[in-house]
Protein backbone atom coordinates (compact mmCIF):
# COMPACT_ATOMS: atom_id res chain seq x y z
CA MET A 1 -7.23 -11.08 -30.66
CA ALA A 2 -10.07 -9.90 -28.45
CA GLN A 3 -7.63 -9.64 -25.56
CA GLN A 4 -5.36 -7.39 -27.61
CA ARG A 5 -8.28 -5.08 -28.42
CA PHE A 6 -9.16 -4.94 -24.71
CA PHE A 7 -5.66 -3.82 -23.75
CA ASP A 8 -5.43 -1.39 -26.65
CA HIS A 9 -8.69 0.22 -25.51
CA TRP A 10 -7.51 0.71 -21.92
CA PHE A 11 -4.02 1.89 -22.83
CA GLY A 12 -5.63 4.31 -25.29
CA LEU A 13 -7.74 5.70 -22.44
CA LEU A 14 -4.65 6.17 -20.25
CA GLN A 15 -3.04 8.33 -23.00
CA GLU A 16 -6.02 10.68 -23.20
CA PRO A 17 -4.89 14.20 -22.18
CA ALA A 18 -8.10 15.05 -20.33
CA LEU A 19 -7.83 11.94 -18.21
CA GLN A 20 -4.16 12.65 -17.48
CA ARG A 21 -5.09 16.16 -16.31
CA GLN A 22 -7.73 14.71 -14.02
CA CYS A 23 -5.32 12.19 -12.56
CA SER A 24 -2.65 14.84 -12.09
CA ALA A 25 -5.07 17.23 -10.40
CA ALA A 26 -6.39 14.54 -8.07
CA PHE A 27 -2.84 13.37 -7.15
CA MET A 28 -1.62 16.94 -6.52
CA ALA A 29 -4.65 17.66 -4.34
CA GLY A 30 -3.98 14.57 -2.30
CA LEU A 31 -0.29 15.32 -2.12
CA ILE A 32 -0.84 18.88 -0.88
CA THR A 33 -3.50 17.78 1.61
CA LEU A 34 -1.44 14.90 3.00
CA LEU A 35 1.95 16.59 2.95
CA PRO A 36 2.14 16.84 6.77
CA LEU A 37 1.43 13.16 7.01
CA ILE A 38 4.06 12.37 4.42
CA LEU A 39 6.72 14.42 6.16
CA ARG A 40 6.05 13.04 9.61
CA VAL A 41 4.84 9.45 9.82
CA ASP A 42 5.71 7.63 13.03
CA LEU A 43 5.67 3.88 12.85
CA TYR A 44 3.00 1.98 14.84
CA PHE A 45 3.93 -0.95 17.03
CA ASP A 46 3.37 -3.60 14.38
CA ASP A 47 5.19 -1.42 11.80
CA LEU A 48 8.18 -1.14 14.11
CA GLU A 49 8.26 -4.92 14.39
CA ARG A 50 8.18 -5.31 10.62
CA ALA A 51 10.87 -2.66 10.14
CA MET A 52 13.17 -4.35 12.67
CA ASP A 53 12.61 -7.98 11.80
CA GLY A 54 11.66 -7.76 8.15
CA ARG A 55 8.92 -10.38 8.63
CA LEU A 56 5.77 -9.97 6.60
CA SER A 57 3.31 -11.96 8.81
CA TRP A 58 0.10 -10.72 7.16
CA VAL A 59 -0.82 -14.27 6.24
CA HIS A 60 -1.40 -15.05 9.92
CA VAL A 61 -4.06 -12.37 10.09
CA GLY A 62 -5.78 -13.44 6.88
CA ARG A 63 -4.18 -11.03 4.41
CA PRO A 64 -2.05 -13.09 2.02
CA GLY A 65 -2.37 -10.46 -0.75
CA ALA A 66 -0.50 -7.99 1.45
CA ASP A 67 2.43 -10.39 1.74
CA ILE A 68 2.53 -10.82 -2.04
CA LEU A 69 2.33 -7.05 -2.70
CA VAL A 70 5.11 -6.24 -0.23
CA GLU A 71 7.35 -8.97 -1.62
CA TRP A 72 6.74 -7.56 -5.10
CA LEU A 73 7.38 -3.96 -4.08
CA ASN A 74 10.51 -4.80 -2.11
CA PHE A 75 11.84 -7.21 -4.81
CA ALA A 76 11.71 -10.09 -2.28
CA ARG A 77 12.05 -10.54 1.46
CA PRO A 78 12.72 -9.02 4.00
CA ALA A 79 10.20 -6.23 4.32
CA THR A 80 11.95 -2.88 4.44
CA ALA A 81 10.58 0.42 5.75
CA VAL A 82 10.43 2.69 2.76
CA SER A 83 8.27 5.18 4.60
CA PRO A 84 6.98 7.76 2.12
CA LEU A 85 6.86 5.30 -0.81
CA TYR A 86 3.81 3.44 0.46
CA THR A 87 2.05 6.68 1.31
CA LEU A 88 2.75 8.15 -2.14
CA LEU A 89 1.51 4.99 -3.82
CA THR A 90 -1.57 5.13 -1.61
CA ILE A 91 -2.26 8.69 -2.73
CA ALA A 92 -1.85 7.59 -6.36
CA VAL A 93 -4.27 4.66 -5.89
CA LEU A 94 -6.88 6.78 -4.07
CA SER A 95 -6.53 9.51 -6.68
CA ASP A 96 -7.21 7.01 -9.43
CA VAL A 97 -10.22 5.71 -7.51
CA GLY A 98 -11.46 9.27 -7.31
CA VAL A 99 -10.97 9.78 -11.05
CA VAL A 100 -12.83 6.57 -11.83
CA CYS A 101 -15.71 7.58 -9.53
CA ALA A 102 -15.81 11.08 -11.08
CA GLY A 103 -15.87 9.55 -14.55
CA ALA A 104 -18.70 7.24 -13.62
CA TYR A 105 -20.76 10.28 -12.61
CA GLY A 106 -19.80 12.26 -15.72
CA VAL A 107 -17.41 14.75 -14.03
CA ARG A 108 -14.72 15.83 -16.48
CA SER A 109 -13.25 18.94 -14.86
CA PRO A 110 -9.85 18.42 -13.23
CA LEU A 111 -10.80 20.78 -10.39
CA TRP A 112 -14.02 18.94 -9.52
CA THR A 113 -12.32 15.57 -9.94
CA ALA A 114 -9.64 16.65 -7.46
CA LEU A 115 -12.25 17.93 -5.01
CA ALA A 116 -14.25 14.72 -5.41
CA SER A 117 -11.26 12.54 -4.66
CA LEU A 118 -10.29 14.39 -1.47
CA PRO A 119 -12.94 12.70 0.73
CA LEU A 120 -11.27 9.42 -0.05
CA MET A 121 -8.02 10.70 1.44
CA ALA A 122 -8.71 13.53 3.85
CA GLN A 123 -11.35 12.07 6.13
CA PRO A 124 -10.56 10.76 9.62
CA TYR A 125 -10.80 7.03 8.78
CA ALA A 126 -8.55 7.44 5.72
CA LEU A 127 -6.05 9.49 7.73
CA GLN A 128 -5.94 6.68 10.26
CA ALA A 129 -5.29 4.15 7.53
CA LEU A 130 -2.65 6.37 5.92
CA SER A 131 -0.87 6.71 9.25
CA TYR A 132 0.29 3.06 9.11
CA GLY A 133 3.65 2.88 7.38
CA PHE A 134 3.21 -0.57 5.84
CA ASP A 135 -0.57 -1.06 5.73
CA SER A 136 -1.73 2.11 4.01
CA LEU A 137 -1.21 0.80 0.51
CA PHE A 138 -3.16 -2.40 1.17
CA MET A 139 -6.06 -0.49 2.61
CA ALA A 140 -6.11 1.73 -0.45
CA VAL A 141 -5.96 -1.28 -2.80
CA SER A 142 -8.87 -2.93 -0.91
CA LEU A 143 -10.88 0.29 -1.25
CA ALA A 144 -10.05 0.40 -4.95
CA CYS A 145 -11.24 -3.20 -5.37
CA ALA A 146 -14.48 -2.44 -3.57
CA VAL A 147 -15.16 0.67 -5.67
CA THR A 148 -14.31 -1.27 -8.83
CA ALA A 149 -16.75 -3.99 -7.83
CA VAL A 150 -19.54 -1.47 -7.21
CA LEU A 151 -18.92 0.27 -10.54
CA LEU A 152 -18.84 -3.04 -12.42
CA VAL A 153 -22.12 -4.11 -10.92
CA ASN A 154 -23.77 -0.75 -11.60
CA LEU A 155 -22.47 -0.47 -15.17
CA ASN A 156 -23.37 -3.92 -16.36
CA CYS A 157 -25.55 -6.49 -14.62
CA ASN A 158 -24.14 -9.47 -16.49
CA TRP A 159 -23.56 -12.55 -14.28
CA ARG A 160 -19.89 -12.71 -15.27
CA VAL A 161 -19.34 -9.12 -14.27
CA VAL A 162 -21.17 -9.69 -10.97
CA GLY A 163 -19.04 -12.75 -10.35
CA GLY A 164 -15.86 -10.82 -11.07
CA ALA A 165 -17.00 -8.08 -8.78
CA TRP A 166 -17.70 -10.60 -6.07
CA ILE A 167 -14.19 -12.00 -6.46
CA LEU A 168 -12.78 -8.45 -6.22
CA GLN A 169 -14.61 -8.00 -2.93
CA LEU A 170 -12.78 -10.94 -1.44
């Protein structure tokens, strides 16, 4: 019963019109800013190998979650190069992280939320991460987990929350 209330609470938040406007504004700002990158993404050496062979091989470098996520997005193996899809999903994830951060600081304006989320996407390190055809989504998910962990620790200093945040950091 408590689990049902938890999900009802979060799904109710997702249907809130003000939050939807914030998410849309942040996504559109990221989309407009990163449009040149979306239109012209050349594959890096390891991306070319994955596109040709279809092997996932992230487990060998200590990233088993990346293998699981690619298998889920591609509906199984082999890995296929669906070039703008991962970048668009990355923009969506980073936009949501920006909305969550703006909400944590009390920002409710869609304009300011969009402007606050741009440093997550339009800074040199993020542009480097977004340039990878396959890896951009995983880098965005790892950033989202790190921000979630920080917000959980700052909002509630309960040992269970801190433990959950620590697990998210892994």
